[in-house]
Amino acid sequence: MQSPAAAVQDGYVLVTHNAVDFRRLYGREGLHVGLVAFNTPAKTMSLALQTGLFLQAMLELGAEEAFNFALELTVDGQGDVSIDRYALPP
């Protein structure tokens, strides 16, 4: 497991399909420009789904600065998407 240090140091929003690990790692950072996580049922991530989730995340973020918060897009078994935004670290 790599730390998010490069993304944090270079000022990138980190986009991941691994919310559990990166939520914990980003929770240790004093300042970061954001975490975007895609949560899907096992073995359902496809390029089309990833692209759609990325576009939804971009629409949700707009031109807003994402300092110290996370955006999680969760797909349920029926394909419905919920979006949660929260401070990270809390």
PDB file of N, CA and C in Angstrom:
ATOM      1  N   MET A   1       0.847  -1.183   0.000  1.00  0.00           N
ATOM      2  CA  MET A   1       0.000   0.000   0.000  1.00  0.00           C
ATOM      3  C   MET A   1       0.888   1.241   0.000  1.00  0.00           C
ATOM      4  N   GLN A   2       0.716   2.069  -0.999  1.00  0.00           N
ATOM      5  CA  GLN A   2       1.448   3.331  -1.036  1.00  0.00           C
ATOM      6  C   GLN A   2       0.665   4.387  -0.271  1.00  0.00           C
ATOM      7  N   SER A   3       1.378   5.345   0.269  1.00  0.00           N
ATOM      8  CA  SER A   3       0.691   6.442   0.934  1.00  0.00           C
ATOM      9  C   SER A   3       0.202   7.419  -0.130  1.00  0.00           C
ATOM     10  N   PRO A   4      -0.755   8.272   0.224  1.00  0.00           N
ATOM     11  CA  PRO A   4      -1.230   9.262  -0.728  1.00  0.00           C
ATOM     12  C   PRO A   4      -0.299  10.471  -0.819  1.00  0.00           C
ATOM     13  N   ALA A   5       0.920  10.332  -0.322  1.00  0.00           N
ATOM     14  CA  ALA A   5       1.838  11.473  -0.221  1.00  0.00           C
ATOM     15  C   ALA A   5       2.057  12.189  -1.545  1.00  0.00           C
ATOM     16  N   ALA A   6       2.226  11.467  -2.640  1.00  0.00           N
ATOM     17  CA  ALA A   6       2.491  12.111  -3.929  1.00  0.00           C
ATOM     18  C   ALA A   6       1.297  12.964  -4.362  1.00  0.00           C
ATOM     19  N   ALA A   7       0.091  12.437  -4.231  1.00  0.00           N
ATOM     20  CA  ALA A   7      -1.094  13.211  -4.601  1.00  0.00           C
ATOM     21  C   ALA A   7      -1.241  14.439  -3.704  1.00  0.00           C
ATOM     22  N   VAL A   8      -1.010  14.246  -2.421  1.00  0.00           N
ATOM     23  CA  VAL A   8      -1.114  15.357  -1.469  1.00  0.00           C
ATOM     24  C   VAL A   8      -0.052  16.410  -1.770  1.00  0.00           C
ATOM     25  N   GLN A   9       1.188  15.969  -1.929  1.00  0.00           N
ATOM     26  CA  GLN A   9       2.290  16.892  -2.168  1.00  0.00           C
ATOM     27  C   GLN A   9       2.116  17.672  -3.470  1.00  0.00           C
ATOM     28  N   ASP A  10       1.629  16.995  -4.517  1.00  0.00           N
ATOM     29  CA  ASP A  10       1.500  17.638  -5.824  1.00  0.00           C
ATOM     30  C   ASP A  10       0.160  18.337  -6.021  1.00  0.00           C
ATOM     31  N   GLY A  11      -0.742  18.251  -5.032  1.00  0.00           N
ATOM     32  CA  GLY A  11      -2.006  18.973  -5.092  1.00  0.00           C
ATOM     33  C   GLY A  11      -3.040  18.353  -6.013  1.00  0.00           C
ATOM     34  N   TYR A  12      -3.070  17.021  -6.089  1.00  0.00           N
ATOM     35  CA  TYR A  12      -4.047  16.330  -6.920  1.00  0.00           C
ATOM     36  C   TYR A  12      -5.192  15.793  -6.084  1.00  0.00           C
ATOM     37  N   VAL A  13      -6.399  15.839  -6.638  1.00  0.00           N
ATOM     38  CA  VAL A  13      -7.518  15.124  -6.055  1.00  0.00           C
ATOM     39  C   VAL A  13      -7.300  13.658  -6.390  1.00  0.00           C
ATOM     40  N   LEU A  14      -7.350  12.791  -5.393  1.00  0.00           N
ATOM     41  CA  LEU A  14      -7.146  11.367  -5.603  1.00  0.00           C
ATOM     42  C   LEU A  14      -8.492  10.710  -5.899  1.00  0.00           C
ATOM     43  N   VAL A  15      -8.563   9.971  -7.001  1.00  0.00           N
ATOM     44  CA  VAL A  15      -9.761   9.216  -7.369  1.00  0.00           C
ATOM     45  C   VAL A  15      -9.411   7.742  -7.229  1.00  0.00           C
ATOM     46  N   THR A  16     -10.251   6.995  -6.492  1.00  0.00           N
ATOM     47  CA  THR A  16      -9.940   5.599  -6.202  1.00  0.00           C
ATOM     48  C   THR A  16     -11.194   4.730  -6.192  1.00  0.00           C
ATOM     49  N   HIS A  17     -10.981   3.456  -6.341  1.00  0.00           N
ATOM     50  CA  HIS A  17     -12.038   2.464  -6.175  1.00  0.00           C
ATOM     51  C   HIS A  17     -11.795   1.718  -4.866  1.00  0.00           C
ATOM     52  N   ASN A  18     -10.963   2.295  -4.003  1.00  0.00           N
ATOM     53  CA  ASN A  18     -10.573   1.695  -2.738  1.00  0.00           C
ATOM     54  C   ASN A  18     -10.851   2.682  -1.603  1.00  0.00           C
ATOM     55  N   ALA A  19     -12.110   2.912  -1.312  1.00  0.00           N
ATOM     56  CA  ALA A  19     -12.478   3.907  -0.304  1.00  0.00           C
ATOM     57  C   ALA A  19     -11.972   3.548   1.088  1.00  0.00           C
ATOM     58  N   VAL A  20     -12.010   2.284   1.438  1.00  0.00           N
ATOM     59  CA  VAL A  20     -11.667   1.873   2.805  1.00  0.00           C
ATOM     60  C   VAL A  20     -10.242   2.289   3.160  1.00  0.00           C
ATOM     61  N   ASP A  21      -9.263   1.905   2.336  1.00  0.00           N
ATOM     62  CA  ASP A  21      -7.870   2.218   2.650  1.00  0.00           C
ATOM     63  C   ASP A  21      -7.572   3.705   2.526  1.00  0.00           C
ATOM     64  N   PHE A  22      -8.039   4.337   1.463  1.00  0.00           N
ATOM     65  CA  PHE A  22      -7.679   5.741   1.262  1.00  0.00           C
ATOM     66  C   PHE A  22      -8.433   6.683   2.175  1.00  0.00           C
ATOM     67  N   ARG A  23      -9.627   6.317   2.622  1.00  0.00           N
ATOM     68  CA  ARG A  23     -10.330   7.117   3.627  1.00  0.00           C
ATOM     69  C   ARG A  23      -9.480   7.167   4.897  1.00  0.00           C
ATOM     70  N   ARG A  24      -8.920   6.032   5.274  1.00  0.00           N
ATOM     71  CA  ARG A  24      -8.066   5.952   6.473  1.00  0.00           C
ATOM     72  C   ARG A  24      -6.780   6.751   6.263  1.00  0.00           C
ATOM     73  N   LEU A  25      -6.127   6.580   5.112  1.00  0.00           N
ATOM     74  CA  LEU A  25      -4.865   7.278   4.844  1.00  0.00           C
ATOM     75  C   LEU A  25      -5.065   8.790   4.736  1.00  0.00           C
ATOM     76  N   TYR A  26      -6.090   9.226   4.025  1.00  0.00           N
ATOM     77  CA  TYR A  26      -6.339  10.658   3.892  1.00  0.00           C
ATOM     78  C   TYR A  26      -6.799  11.270   5.209  1.00  0.00           C
ATOM     79  N   GLY A  27      -7.398  10.463   6.076  1.00  0.00           N
ATOM     80  CA  GLY A  27      -7.801  10.947   7.390  1.00  0.00           C
ATOM     81  C   GLY A  27      -6.627  11.353   8.256  1.00  0.00           C
ATOM     82  N   ARG A  28      -5.426  10.901   7.892  1.00  0.00           N
ATOM     83  CA  ARG A  28      -4.204  11.268   8.633  1.00  0.00           C
ATOM     84  C   ARG A  28      -3.553  12.541   8.115  1.00  0.00           C
ATOM     85  N   GLU A  29      -3.963  13.007   6.944  1.00  0.00           N
ATOM     86  CA  GLU A  29      -3.327  14.179   6.331  1.00  0.00           C
ATOM     87  C   GLU A  29      -3.887  15.467   6.927  1.00  0.00           C
ATOM     88  N   GLY A  30      -3.016  16.420   7.189  1.00  0.00           N
ATOM     89  CA  GLY A  30      -3.453  17.710   7.723  1.00  0.00           C
ATOM     90  C   GLY A  30      -4.167  18.547   6.680  1.00  0.00           C
ATOM     91  N   LEU A  31      -3.710  18.477   5.423  1.00  0.00           N
ATOM     92  CA  LEU A  31      -4.308  19.246   4.345  1.00  0.00           C
ATOM     93  C   LEU A  31      -4.176  18.446   3.058  1.00  0.00           C
ATOM     94  N   HIS A  32      -5.279  18.305   2.353  1.00  0.00           N
ATOM     95  CA  HIS A  32      -5.263  17.648   1.043  1.00  0.00           C
ATOM     96  C   HIS A  32      -6.332  18.298   0.179  1.00  0.00           C
ATOM     97  N   VAL A  33      -6.234  18.097  -1.133  1.00  0.00           N
ATOM     98  CA  VAL A  33      -7.183  18.756  -2.034  1.00  0.00           C
ATOM     99  C   VAL A  33      -8.354  17.860  -2.417  1.00  0.00           C
ATOM    100  N   GLY A  34      -8.504  16.728  -1.768  1.00  0.00           N
ATOM    101  CA  GLY A  34      -9.720  15.949  -1.938  1.00  0.00           C
ATOM    102  C   GLY A  34      -9.512  14.500  -2.300  1.00  0.00           C
ATOM    103  N   LEU A  35     -10.522  13.720  -1.936  1.00  0.00           N
ATOM    104  CA  LEU A  35     -10.568  12.296  -2.225  1.00  0.00           C
ATOM    105  C   LEU A  35     -11.917  12.002  -2.865  1.00  0.00           C
ATOM    106  N   VAL A  36     -11.901  11.315  -3.995  1.00  0.00           N
ATOM    107  CA  VAL A  36     -13.121  10.859  -4.654  1.00  0.00           C
ATOM    108  C   VAL A  36     -13.049   9.342  -4.706  1.00  0.00           C
ATOM    109  N   ALA A  37     -14.080   8.674  -4.186  1.00  0.00           N
ATOM    110  CA  ALA A  37     -14.075   7.213  -4.143  1.00  0.00           C
ATOM    111  C   ALA A  37     -15.321   6.662  -4.829  1.00  0.00           C
ATOM    112  N   PHE A  38     -15.111   5.618  -5.622  1.00  0.00           N
ATOM    113  CA  PHE A  38     -16.202   4.908  -6.274  1.00  0.00           C
ATOM    114  C   PHE A  38     -16.404   3.586  -5.540  1.00  0.00           C
ATOM    115  N   ASN A  39     -17.588   3.358  -5.040  1.00  0.00           N
ATOM    116  CA  ASN A  39     -17.921   2.125  -4.331  1.00  0.00           C
ATOM    117  C   ASN A  39     -18.943   1.362  -5.173  1.00  0.00           C
ATOM    118  N   THR A  40     -18.593   0.142  -5.568  1.00  0.00           N
ATOM    119  CA  THR A  40     -19.484  -0.665  -6.395  1.00  0.00           C
ATOM    120  C   THR A  40     -19.548  -2.085  -5.843  1.00  0.00           C
ATOM    121  N   PRO A  41     -20.628  -2.803  -6.160  1.00  0.00           N
ATOM    122  CA  PRO A  41     -20.655  -4.212  -5.779  1.00  0.00           C
ATOM    123  C   PRO A  41     -19.471  -4.944  -6.415  1.00  0.00           C
ATOM    124  N   ALA A  42     -19.058  -6.025  -5.790  1.00  0.00           N
ATOM    125  CA  ALA A  42     -17.900  -6.788  -6.265  1.00  0.00           C
ATOM    126  C   ALA A  42     -18.036  -7.162  -7.744  1.00  0.00           C
ATOM    127  N   LYS A  43     -16.953  -6.975  -8.466  1.00  0.00           N
ATOM    128  CA  LYS A  43     -16.813  -7.383  -9.866  1.00  0.00           C
ATOM    129  C   LYS A  43     -17.801  -6.710 -10.818  1.00  0.00           C
ATOM    130  N   THR A  44     -18.250  -5.498 -10.477  1.00  0.00           N
ATOM    131  CA  THR A  44     -19.168  -4.798 -11.379  1.00  0.00           C
ATOM    132  C   THR A  44     -18.538  -3.583 -12.044  1.00  0.00           C
ATOM    133  N   MET A  45     -17.327  -3.200 -11.634  1.00  0.00           N
ATOM    134  CA  MET A  45     -16.695  -2.014 -12.220  1.00  0.00           C
ATOM    135  C   MET A  45     -16.309  -2.320 -13.663  1.00  0.00           C
ATOM    136  N   SER A  46     -16.743  -1.444 -14.548  1.00  0.00           N
ATOM    137  CA  SER A  46     -16.391  -1.528 -15.961  1.00  0.00           C
ATOM    138  C   SER A  46     -15.901  -0.158 -16.388  1.00  0.00           C
ATOM    139  N   LEU A  47     -15.334  -0.080 -17.565  1.00  0.00           N
ATOM    140  CA  LEU A  47     -14.882   1.217 -18.066  1.00  0.00           C
ATOM    141  C   LEU A  47     -16.063   2.167 -18.219  1.00  0.00           C
ATOM    142  N   ALA A  48     -17.180   1.665 -18.706  1.00  0.00           N
ATOM    143  CA  ALA A  48     -18.367   2.518 -18.874  1.00  0.00           C
ATOM    144  C   ALA A  48     -18.868   3.032 -17.527  1.00  0.00           C
ATOM    145  N   LEU A  49     -18.930   2.159 -16.514  1.00  0.00           N
ATOM    146  CA  LEU A  49     -19.375   2.588 -15.185  1.00  0.00           C
ATOM    147  C   LEU A  49     -18.390   3.572 -14.584  1.00  0.00           C
ATOM    148  N   GLN A  50     -17.103   3.284 -14.708  1.00  0.00           N
ATOM    149  CA  GLN A  50     -16.078   4.182 -14.177  1.00  0.00           C
ATOM    150  C   GLN A  50     -16.176   5.561 -14.831  1.00  0.00           C
ATOM    151  N   THR A  51     -16.361   5.597 -16.128  1.00  0.00           N
ATOM    152  CA  THR A  51     -16.490   6.863 -16.852  1.00  0.00           C
ATOM    153  C   THR A  51     -17.720   7.629 -16.379  1.00  0.00           C
ATOM    154  N   GLY A  52     -18.847   6.922 -16.235  1.00  0.00           N
ATOM    155  CA  GLY A  52     -20.073   7.570 -15.766  1.00  0.00           C
ATOM    156  C   GLY A  52     -19.932   8.125 -14.362  1.00  0.00           C
ATOM    157  N   LEU A  53     -19.304   7.365 -13.475  1.00  0.00           N
ATOM    158  CA  LEU A  53     -19.100   7.835 -12.107  1.00  0.00           C
ATOM    159  C   LEU A  53     -18.161   9.032 -12.072  1.00  0.00           C
ATOM    160  N   PHE A  54     -17.128   8.995 -12.909  1.00  0.00           N
ATOM    161  CA  PHE A  54     -16.193  10.118 -12.962  1.00  0.00           C
ATOM    162  C   PHE A  54     -16.913  11.385 -13.429  1.00  0.00           C
ATOM    163  N   LEU A  55     -17.756  11.267 -14.444  1.00  0.00           N
ATOM    164  CA  LEU A  55     -18.509  12.429 -14.927  1.00  0.00           C
ATOM    165  C   LEU A  55     -19.458  12.947 -13.850  1.00  0.00           C
ATOM    166  N   GLN A  56     -20.116  12.041 -13.121  1.00  0.00           N
ATOM    167  CA  GLN A  56     -20.977  12.475 -12.020  1.00  0.00           C
ATOM    168  C   GLN A  56     -20.180  13.202 -10.952  1.00  0.00           C
ATOM    169  N   ALA A  57     -19.000  12.700 -10.634  1.00  0.00           N
ATOM    170  CA  ALA A  57     -18.149  13.352  -9.634  1.00  0.00           C
ATOM    171  C   ALA A  57     -17.754  14.748 -10.101  1.00  0.00           C
ATOM    172  N   MET A  58     -17.395  14.875 -11.375  1.00  0.00           N
ATOM    173  CA  MET A  58     -17.006  16.189 -11.904  1.00  0.00           C
ATOM    174  C   MET A  58     -18.173  17.170 -11.828  1.00  0.00           C
ATOM    175  N   LEU A  59     -19.376  16.713 -12.144  1.00  0.00           N
ATOM    176  CA  LEU A  59     -20.553  17.582 -12.039  1.00  0.00           C
ATOM    177  C   LEU A  59     -20.810  17.987 -10.589  1.00  0.00           C
ATOM    178  N   GLU A  60     -20.644  17.048  -9.677  1.00  0.00           N
ATOM    179  CA  GLU A  60     -20.858  17.326  -8.251  1.00  0.00           C
ATOM    180  C   GLU A  60     -19.831  18.329  -7.729  1.00  0.00           C
ATOM    181  N   LEU A  61     -18.589  18.189  -8.157  1.00  0.00           N
ATOM    182  CA  LEU A  61     -17.526  19.087  -7.688  1.00  0.00           C
ATOM    183  C   LEU A  61     -17.596  20.448  -8.359  1.00  0.00           C
ATOM    184  N   GLY A  62     -17.935  20.486  -9.633  1.00  0.00           N
ATOM    185  CA  GLY A  62     -17.946  21.751 -10.360  1.00  0.00           C
ATOM    186  C   GLY A  62     -16.578  22.404 -10.274  1.00  0.00           C
ATOM    187  N   ALA A  63     -16.556  23.697 -10.067  1.00  0.00           N
ATOM    188  CA  ALA A  63     -15.304  24.440  -9.953  1.00  0.00           C
ATOM    189  C   ALA A  63     -14.878  24.600  -8.495  1.00  0.00           C
ATOM    190  N   GLU A  64     -15.584  23.938  -7.597  1.00  0.00           N
ATOM    191  CA  GLU A  64     -15.332  24.072  -6.164  1.00  0.00           C
ATOM    192  C   GLU A  64     -13.978  23.487  -5.773  1.00  0.00           C
ATOM    193  N   GLU A  65     -13.300  24.158  -4.883  1.00  0.00           N
ATOM    194  CA  GLU A  65     -12.072  23.620  -4.284  1.00  0.00           C
ATOM    195  C   GLU A  65     -12.487  22.497  -3.340  1.00  0.00           C
ATOM    196  N   ALA A  66     -11.764  21.396  -3.369  1.00  0.00           N
ATOM    197  CA  ALA A  66     -12.144  20.211  -2.602  1.00  0.00           C
ATOM    198  C   ALA A  66     -11.277  20.011  -1.360  1.00  0.00           C
ATOM    199  N   PHE A  67     -10.733  21.082  -0.801  1.00  0.00           N
ATOM    200  CA  PHE A  67      -9.818  20.941   0.325  1.00  0.00           C
ATOM    201  C   PHE A  67     -10.449  20.197   1.495  1.00  0.00           C
ATOM    202  N   ASN A  68      -9.739  19.159   1.935  1.00  0.00           N
ATOM    203  CA  ASN A  68     -10.074  18.373   3.130  1.00  0.00           C
ATOM    204  C   ASN A  68     -11.506  17.831   3.137  1.00  0.00           C
ATOM    205  N   PHE A  69     -11.961  17.358   1.991  1.00  0.00           N
ATOM    206  CA  PHE A  69     -13.212  16.633   2.023  1.00  0.00           C
ATOM    207  C   PHE A  69     -13.165  15.464   1.057  1.00  0.00           C
ATOM    208  N   ALA A  70     -14.087  14.550   1.269  1.00  0.00           N
ATOM    209  CA  ALA A  70     -14.193  13.360   0.426  1.00  0.00           C
ATOM    210  C   ALA A  70     -15.558  13.343  -0.234  1.00  0.00           C
ATOM    211  N   LEU A  71     -15.581  12.775  -1.415  1.00  0.00           N
ATOM    212  CA  LEU A  71     -16.804  12.578  -2.167  1.00  0.00           C
ATOM    213  C   LEU A  71     -16.850  11.098  -2.516  1.00  0.00           C
ATOM    214  N   GLU A  72     -17.894  10.405  -2.061  1.00  0.00           N
ATOM    215  CA  GLU A  72     -18.035   8.982  -2.363  1.00  0.00           C
ATOM    216  C   GLU A  72     -19.283   8.764  -3.188  1.00  0.00           C
ATOM    217  N   LEU A  73     -19.119   8.073  -4.303  1.00  0.00           N
ATOM    218  CA  LEU A  73     -20.226   7.689  -5.160  1.00  0.00           C
ATOM    219  C   LEU A  73     -20.399   6.183  -5.000  1.00  0.00           C
ATOM    220  N   THR A  74     -21.558   5.770  -4.511  1.00  0.00           N
ATOM    221  CA  THR A  74     -21.819   4.369  -4.212  1.00  0.00           C
ATOM    222  C   THR A  74     -22.924   3.852  -5.114  1.00  0.00           C
ATOM    223  N   VAL A  75     -22.634   2.743  -5.790  1.00  0.00           N
ATOM    224  CA  VAL A  75     -23.596   2.103  -6.677  1.00  0.00           C
ATOM    225  C   VAL A  75     -24.162   0.893  -5.947  1.00  0.00           C
ATOM    226  N   ASP A  76     -25.502   0.805  -5.862  1.00  0.00           N
ATOM    227  CA  ASP A  76     -26.102  -0.357  -5.205  1.00  0.00           C
ATOM    228  C   ASP A  76     -26.341  -1.470  -6.220  1.00  0.00           C
ATOM    229  N   GLY A  77     -26.918  -2.564  -5.781  1.00  0.00           N
ATOM    230  CA  GLY A  77     -27.142  -3.724  -6.635  1.00  0.00           C
ATOM    231  C   GLY A  77     -28.084  -3.477  -7.800  1.00  0.00           C
ATOM    232  N   GLN A  78     -28.924  -2.430  -7.719  1.00  0.00           N
ATOM    233  CA  GLN A  78     -29.841  -2.083  -8.804  1.00  0.00           C
ATOM    234  C   GLN A  78     -29.250  -1.055  -9.759  1.00  0.00           C
ATOM    235  N   GLY A  79     -28.037  -0.593  -9.465  1.00  0.00           N
ATOM    236  CA  GLY A  79     -27.396   0.402 -10.318  1.00  0.00           C
ATOM    237  C   GLY A  79     -27.681   1.843  -9.943  1.00  0.00           C
ATOM    238  N   ASP A  80     -28.405   2.053  -8.846  1.00  0.00           N
ATOM    239  CA  ASP A  80     -28.671   3.416  -8.378  1.00  0.00           C
ATOM    240  C   ASP A  80     -27.428   3.968  -7.694  1.00  0.00           C
ATOM    241  N   VAL A  81     -27.171   5.258  -7.901  1.00  0.00           N
ATOM    242  CA  VAL A  81     -25.974   5.901  -7.362  1.00  0.00           C
ATOM    243  C   VAL A  81     -26.369   6.879  -6.263  1.00  0.00           C
ATOM    244  N   SER A  82     -25.701   6.762  -5.114  1.00  0.00           N
ATOM    245  CA  SER A  82     -25.850   7.757  -4.049  1.00  0.00           C
ATOM    246  C   SER A  82     -24.513   8.484  -3.903  1.00  0.00           C
ATOM    247  N   ILE A  83     -24.595   9.750  -3.521  1.00  0.00           N
ATOM    248  CA  ILE A  83     -23.395  10.568  -3.386  1.00  0.00           C
ATOM    249  C   ILE A  83     -23.335  11.105  -1.964  1.00  0.00           C
ATOM    250  N   ASP A  84     -22.192  10.878  -1.330  1.00  0.00           N
ATOM    251  CA  ASP A  84     -21.963  11.383   0.025  1.00  0.00           C
ATOM    252  C   ASP A  84     -20.736  12.280   0.010  1.00  0.00           C
ATOM    253  N   ARG A  85     -20.856  13.414   0.648  1.00  0.00           N
ATOM    254  CA  ARG A  85     -19.755  14.370   0.782  1.00  0.00           C
ATOM    255  C   ARG A  85     -19.531  14.620   2.260  1.00  0.00           C
ATOM    256  N   TYR A  86     -18.275  14.560   2.700  1.00  0.00           N
ATOM    257  CA  TYR A  86     -17.999  14.760   4.111  1.00  0.00           C
ATOM    258  C   TYR A  86     -16.573  15.287   4.302  1.00  0.00           C
ATOM    259  N   ALA A  87     -16.356  15.919   5.453  1.00  0.00           N
ATOM    260  CA  ALA A  87     -15.027  16.436   5.799  1.00  0.00           C
ATOM    261  C   ALA A  87     -14.100  15.272   6.093  1.00  0.00           C
ATOM    262  N   LEU A  88     -12.863  15.403   5.651  1.00  0.00           N
ATOM    263  CA  LEU A  88     -11.845  14.370   5.893  1.00  0.00           C
ATOM    264  C   LEU A  88     -10.488  15.036   6.018  1.00  0.00           C
ATOM    265  N   PRO A  89      -9.840  15.057   7.172  1.00  0.00           N
ATOM    266  CA  PRO A  89     -10.327  14.446   8.406  1.00  0.00           C
ATOM    267  C   PRO A  89     -11.531  15.206   8.954  1.00  0.00           C
ATOM    268  N   PRO A  90     -12.335  14.480   9.775  1.00  0.00           N
ATOM    269  CA  PRO A  90     -13.555  15.107  10.319  1.00  0.00           C
ATOM    270  C   PRO A  90     -13.254  16.313  11.182  1.00  0.00           C
TER     271      PRO A  90
END
